[in-house]
Protein backbone atom coordinates (compact mmCIF):
# COMPACT_ATOMS: atom_id res chain seq x y z
CA MET A 1 90.71 24.48 104.67
CA SER A 2 90.78 21.83 102.03
CA GLY A 3 89.31 19.33 104.52
CA SER A 4 86.34 21.66 105.18
CA ALA A 5 85.68 22.00 101.48
CA ALA A 6 85.74 18.25 100.99
CA THR A 7 83.29 17.80 103.91
CA LEU A 8 80.95 20.44 102.46
CA SER A 9 80.98 18.84 99.04
CA GLY A 10 80.26 15.44 100.63
CA VAL A 11 77.24 16.84 102.49
CA ARG A 12 75.92 18.44 99.25
CA ALA A 13 76.38 15.15 97.36
CA SER A 14 74.51 13.22 100.09
CA LYS A 15 71.63 15.72 99.97
CA ALA A 16 71.46 15.38 96.20
CA VAL A 17 71.26 11.64 96.57
CA THR A 18 68.53 11.74 99.19
CA THR A 19 66.42 14.23 97.29
CA GLN A 20 66.29 12.02 94.19
CA PRO A 21 62.83 10.34 93.88
CA VAL A 22 62.72 6.64 94.70
CA ARG A 23 61.57 4.60 91.71
CA ARG A 24 58.82 2.19 92.56
CA ARG A 25 59.36 -1.41 91.47
CA ARG A 26 56.93 -2.57 88.80
CA ARG A 27 54.60 -5.39 89.85
CA LEU A 28 55.08 -8.25 87.49
CA GLY A 29 52.32 -10.46 88.88
CA PRO A 30 48.56 -10.15 88.32
CA GLY A 31 48.05 -8.19 91.55
CA LYS A 32 45.87 -8.78 94.53
CA PRO A 33 42.76 -10.97 94.17
CA ILE A 34 39.55 -9.04 93.40
CA ARG A 35 36.77 -9.76 95.85
CA PHE A 36 33.94 -11.52 94.03
CA GLY A 37 35.97 -11.25 90.87
CA ALA A 38 34.49 -14.49 89.48
CA LEU A 39 31.07 -12.75 89.27
CA ILE A 40 32.21 -9.79 87.23
CA GLY A 41 32.22 -11.62 83.87
CA PRO A 42 28.73 -13.21 84.30
CA VAL A 43 27.32 -9.88 85.56
CA LEU A 44 28.68 -8.06 82.53
CA LEU A 45 27.27 -10.72 80.19
CA LEU A 46 23.84 -10.33 81.90
CA ALA A 47 24.02 -6.56 81.57
CA ILE A 48 24.81 -6.78 77.78
CA TRP A 49 21.96 -9.31 77.39
CA SER A 50 19.49 -7.03 79.22
CA ILE A 51 20.49 -3.93 77.28
CA GLY A 52 20.22 -5.74 73.96
CA SER A 53 16.74 -7.07 74.82
CA ALA A 54 15.51 -3.73 76.17
CA ALA A 55 16.78 -1.87 73.08
CA GLY A 56 15.14 -4.31 70.72
CA TRP A 57 18.41 -5.51 69.23
CA LEU A 58 17.65 -9.13 70.13
CA ASP A 59 14.69 -10.87 68.62
CA PRO A 60 12.72 -12.56 71.44
CA ARG A 61 11.98 -15.48 69.11
CA ILE A 62 15.73 -16.15 68.92
CA LEU A 63 16.88 -15.05 72.40
CA SER A 64 14.34 -14.39 75.10
CA ALA A 65 14.83 -11.40 77.42
CA PRO A 66 16.25 -12.01 80.89
CA TRP A 67 13.01 -10.96 82.58
CA THR A 68 11.05 -13.40 80.39
CA VAL A 69 13.45 -16.20 81.46
CA VAL A 70 12.95 -15.26 85.12
CA THR A 71 9.13 -15.40 84.66
CA THR A 72 9.39 -18.79 82.90
CA THR A 73 11.62 -20.09 85.68
CA GLY A 74 9.01 -19.07 88.27
CA ASP A 75 6.30 -20.86 86.24
CA LEU A 76 8.40 -24.04 85.96
CA ILE A 77 9.08 -23.98 89.72
CA ALA A 78 5.38 -23.45 90.44
CA ASP A 79 4.32 -26.57 88.55
CA GLY A 80 7.23 -28.60 89.91
CA ARG A 81 8.82 -29.48 86.54
CA LEU A 82 12.07 -27.69 87.24
CA GLN A 83 12.74 -29.33 90.58
CA SER A 84 12.07 -32.89 89.43
CA ASN A 85 14.15 -32.52 86.22
CA LEU A 86 16.93 -30.80 88.13
CA LEU A 87 17.02 -33.59 90.71
CA THR A 88 17.24 -36.22 88.00
CA SER A 89 20.03 -34.42 86.17
CA THR A 90 22.00 -33.88 89.35
CA GLN A 91 21.75 -37.54 90.32
CA ARG A 92 23.02 -38.61 86.91
CA ALA A 93 25.89 -36.11 86.92
CA PHE A 94 27.11 -36.92 90.41
CA LEU A 95 26.83 -40.66 89.97
CA GLY A 96 28.87 -40.55 86.73
CA LEU A 97 31.32 -38.15 88.39
CA GLY A 98 31.80 -40.33 91.43
CA LEU A 99 32.35 -43.49 89.38
CA GLY A 100 34.73 -41.60 87.03
CA ILE A 101 36.80 -40.19 89.93
CA VAL A 102 37.22 -43.66 91.50
CA LEU A 103 38.02 -45.34 88.23
CA GLY A 104 40.51 -42.65 87.12
CA THR A 105 42.23 -42.51 90.49
CA VAL A 106 42.67 -46.30 90.75
CA LEU A 107 43.98 -46.61 87.19
CA ALA A 108 46.36 -43.72 87.76
CA LEU A 109 47.79 -45.39 90.89
CA LEU A 110 48.16 -48.72 89.09
CA SER A 111 49.88 -47.07 86.09
CA GLY A 112 51.90 -44.53 88.02
CA LEU A 113 53.38 -46.89 90.60
CA SER A 114 54.11 -49.84 88.36
CA ARG A 115 55.94 -50.16 85.06
CA ILE A 116 53.83 -53.21 84.20
CA GLY A 117 50.65 -51.28 85.01
CA GLU A 118 51.79 -48.39 82.80
CA ALA A 119 52.60 -50.76 79.90
CA VAL A 120 49.17 -52.39 80.12
CA LEU A 121 46.94 -49.36 80.93
CA ASP A 122 48.54 -46.18 79.65
CA GLY A 123 48.34 -46.95 75.96
CA PRO A 124 44.63 -47.90 75.85
CA ILE A 125 43.69 -44.84 78.00
CA GLN A 126 45.66 -42.56 75.72
CA ILE A 127 43.70 -43.99 72.79
CA LYS A 128 40.49 -43.34 74.64
CA ARG A 129 41.68 -39.79 75.33
CA ALA A 130 41.93 -39.23 71.56
CA ILE A 131 38.37 -40.48 71.04
CA PRO A 132 35.68 -38.17 72.39
CA SER A 133 33.25 -39.86 74.68
CA LEU A 134 30.35 -38.60 72.65
CA ALA A 135 31.75 -40.39 69.57
CA LEU A 136 31.18 -43.65 71.47
CA LEU A 137 27.45 -42.97 71.91
CA PRO A 138 26.25 -45.10 68.96
CA LEU A 139 28.25 -48.04 70.32
CA LEU A 140 27.12 -47.49 73.85
CA ILE A 141 23.46 -47.38 72.74
CA LEU A 142 23.88 -50.68 70.94
CA TRP A 143 25.51 -52.24 73.99
CA LEU A 144 23.54 -50.69 76.85
CA GLY A 145 20.34 -49.39 75.28
CA ILE A 146 19.02 -45.88 75.95
CA GLY A 147 18.35 -46.22 79.68
CA GLU A 148 20.10 -44.83 82.72
CA THR A 149 23.09 -47.21 82.37
CA MET A 150 24.10 -45.73 79.08
CA LYS A 151 23.79 -42.16 80.37
CA VAL A 152 25.85 -42.78 83.50
CA THR A 153 28.47 -44.75 81.55
CA THR A 154 28.88 -41.93 79.08
CA ILE A 155 29.40 -39.39 81.89
CA THR A 156 31.89 -41.75 83.58
CA LEU A 157 33.87 -42.07 80.40
CA GLY A 158 34.04 -38.27 80.07
CA VAL A 159 35.24 -37.94 83.72
CA PHE A 160 37.80 -40.67 84.30
CA VAL A 161 40.22 -39.60 81.52
CA PRO A 162 41.15 -36.15 82.88
CA ILE A 163 41.35 -37.62 86.41
CA TYR A 164 43.74 -40.32 85.20
CA ILE A 165 45.87 -37.99 83.01
CA HIS A 166 46.48 -35.35 85.65
CA THR A 167 46.83 -37.70 88.64
CA HIS A 168 49.25 -39.91 86.67
CA ASN A 169 51.30 -36.78 85.74
CA GLY A 170 51.27 -35.72 89.38
CA LEU A 171 52.62 -39.13 90.44
CA ARG A 172 55.36 -39.15 87.89
CA THR A 173 56.53 -35.65 88.84
CA ILE A 174 57.07 -36.49 92.51
CA ASP A 175 60.67 -35.71 93.48
CA SER A 176 62.71 -38.93 93.41
CA ARG A 177 64.52 -37.85 96.56
CA TYR A 178 61.31 -38.40 98.58
CA VAL A 179 61.14 -41.94 97.20
CA GLU A 180 64.76 -42.55 98.15
CA LEU A 181 64.08 -41.15 101.63
CA ALA A 182 61.08 -43.41 102.05
CA GLN A 183 63.21 -46.40 101.13
CA THR A 184 65.98 -45.32 103.52
CA VAL A 185 63.62 -45.03 106.49
CA GLY A 186 61.94 -48.31 105.58
CA LEU A 187 58.37 -47.17 104.93
CA SER A 188 55.88 -49.88 104.04
CA ARG A 189 54.06 -49.81 100.69
CA TRP A 190 50.83 -48.51 102.17
CA THR A 191 52.59 -45.86 104.30
CA PHE A 192 54.61 -44.79 101.25
CA ILE A 193 51.41 -44.30 99.27
CA ARG A 194 49.70 -42.49 102.15
CA LYS A 195 52.58 -40.26 103.17
CA VAL A 196 54.34 -39.57 99.86
CA VAL A 197 52.29 -40.61 96.82
CA LEU A 198 48.90 -39.16 97.63
CA PRO A 199 50.12 -35.75 98.92
CA GLY A 200 52.47 -35.52 95.90
CA ALA A 201 49.72 -36.35 93.38
CA LEU A 202 47.11 -34.10 95.05
CA PRO A 203 47.79 -30.98 92.93
CA GLY A 204 47.46 -32.97 89.72
CA PHE A 205 44.33 -34.78 90.97
CA LEU A 206 42.58 -31.50 91.87
CA LEU A 207 43.45 -30.00 88.52
CA GLY A 208 41.99 -33.05 86.83
CA LEU A 209 38.92 -32.79 89.02
CA ARG A 210 38.19 -29.28 87.64
CA PHE A 211 38.28 -30.73 84.09
CA ALA A 212 36.24 -33.73 85.17
CA VAL A 213 33.48 -31.70 86.69
CA THR A 214 33.16 -29.71 83.44
CA GLY A 215 33.23 -32.96 81.42
CA ALA A 216 30.42 -34.41 83.54
CA TRP A 217 28.07 -31.53 82.77
CA LEU A 218 29.02 -31.49 79.10
CA SER A 219 28.28 -35.21 78.76
CA LEU A 220 25.02 -34.80 80.68
CA VAL A 221 23.78 -32.15 78.22
CA VAL A 222 24.10 -34.56 75.32
CA VAL A 223 22.88 -37.85 76.85
CA GLU A 224 19.76 -36.22 78.23
CA GLN A 225 18.64 -35.29 74.76
CA ILE A 226 18.70 -38.87 73.54
CA ASN A 227 15.24 -40.31 74.03
CA SER A 228 15.07 -39.25 77.71
CA THR A 229 11.89 -38.87 79.70
CA SER A 230 13.32 -36.67 82.43
CA GLY A 231 16.16 -34.24 83.15
CA ILE A 232 17.06 -30.73 82.13
CA GLY A 233 18.13 -31.90 78.67
CA TYR A 234 14.77 -33.59 78.13
CA MET A 235 12.97 -30.40 79.17
CA MET A 236 15.04 -28.41 76.67
CA GLU A 237 14.48 -30.96 73.87
CA LEU A 238 10.73 -30.88 74.51
CA ALA A 239 10.80 -27.08 74.45
CA ARG A 240 12.65 -27.14 71.06
CA THR A 241 9.82 -29.23 69.61
CA TYR A 242 7.26 -26.58 70.57
CA GLY A 243 9.48 -23.57 69.82
CA GLN A 244 9.68 -22.43 73.48
CA THR A 245 12.90 -20.44 73.41
CA ASP A 246 12.49 -19.21 76.94
CA ILE A 247 12.49 -22.74 78.41
CA ILE A 248 15.59 -23.59 76.37
CA ILE A 249 17.36 -20.56 77.82
CA VAL A 250 16.30 -21.57 81.34
CA GLY A 251 18.00 -24.90 80.80
CA LEU A 252 21.13 -23.36 79.38
CA VAL A 253 21.35 -20.89 82.27
CA LEU A 254 20.82 -23.73 84.70
CA TYR A 255 23.58 -25.81 83.14
CA GLY A 256 25.88 -22.79 83.24
CA VAL A 257 25.11 -22.03 86.90
CA LEU A 258 25.62 -25.64 87.88
CA GLY A 259 28.94 -25.76 86.07
CA LEU A 260 30.06 -22.47 87.66
CA LEU A 261 29.12 -23.55 91.15
CA SER A 262 30.80 -26.94 90.74
CA ASP A 263 33.98 -25.39 89.48
CA GLY A 264 33.93 -22.84 92.28
CA ALA A 265 33.56 -25.65 94.86
CA VAL A 266 36.55 -27.51 93.38
CA ARG A 267 38.63 -24.35 93.34
CA LEU A 268 37.77 -23.71 96.99
CA ILE A 269 38.88 -27.24 97.91
CA GLN A 270 42.02 -26.72 95.83
CA ARG A 271 42.81 -23.50 97.65
CA ARG A 272 42.28 -25.11 101.08
CA ALA A 273 44.08 -28.33 100.35
CA LEU A 274 47.07 -26.59 98.72
CA SER A 275 47.28 -23.65 101.04
CA TRP A 276 51.03 -24.34 101.57
CA ARG A 277 51.74 -23.39 97.92
CA ARG A 278 52.51 -19.80 96.94
CA THR A 279 51.35 -19.13 93.41
CA LEU A 280 50.34 -16.16 91.20
CA ALA A 281 46.75 -16.82 92.17
CA ASP A 282 47.50 -15.91 95.84
């Protein structure tokens, strides 16, 4: 009799346990990626701009309406000014970016793989890091004049520092066990660089590349407004002289779109090249 009572109480207890609601675990991460999430912010900004212009809250002499900017863009395309200036600006930016990437990567390898290289190179580059590239403009103008060489050099100086800093950091954070393993199996210097160093420094390099791309466009904005005769910055500076706010806004939007597309391209490369990593962004 007592055994039956114990069995019955056990069944009731098990039912009570099973009927209790199961608590869902809280998600601590940011959640699943939002499709086209990178466009939400710019679209909201455009909507606020449009509403403010339509409601009359924004003076068109200070900030032209979006539809005015679109019309002005069409006029600039029709007379060919936008295409020619955009081509010139793109050539300057990518030439300076390419030179900066090569220079920063080579210096990072020399400094990251050699104590002598670090002693010679790291200090001066850290000093350059503390001095904005735009602060060197007066000196660069005295040395190189106001031609294309000065403009490309300024962009290069704004690019190579983030490439160097992040690539050097990526090199120095490679697990020492991989180095010991490479020594054990007798890898040559070049094979060690190709199989261990470059893959280990790749995350840091790609992070530096994102900063470098932004730095290239920022430097371009400034150098193109210094006695230039072509480029988006020249077009904006000429529009400032004549009080053409709509053309200035076209240039600013163009710089923003170019920067956004460049950063998106680097992030896509980063996602493909580092697909083996599991991060909060996944």
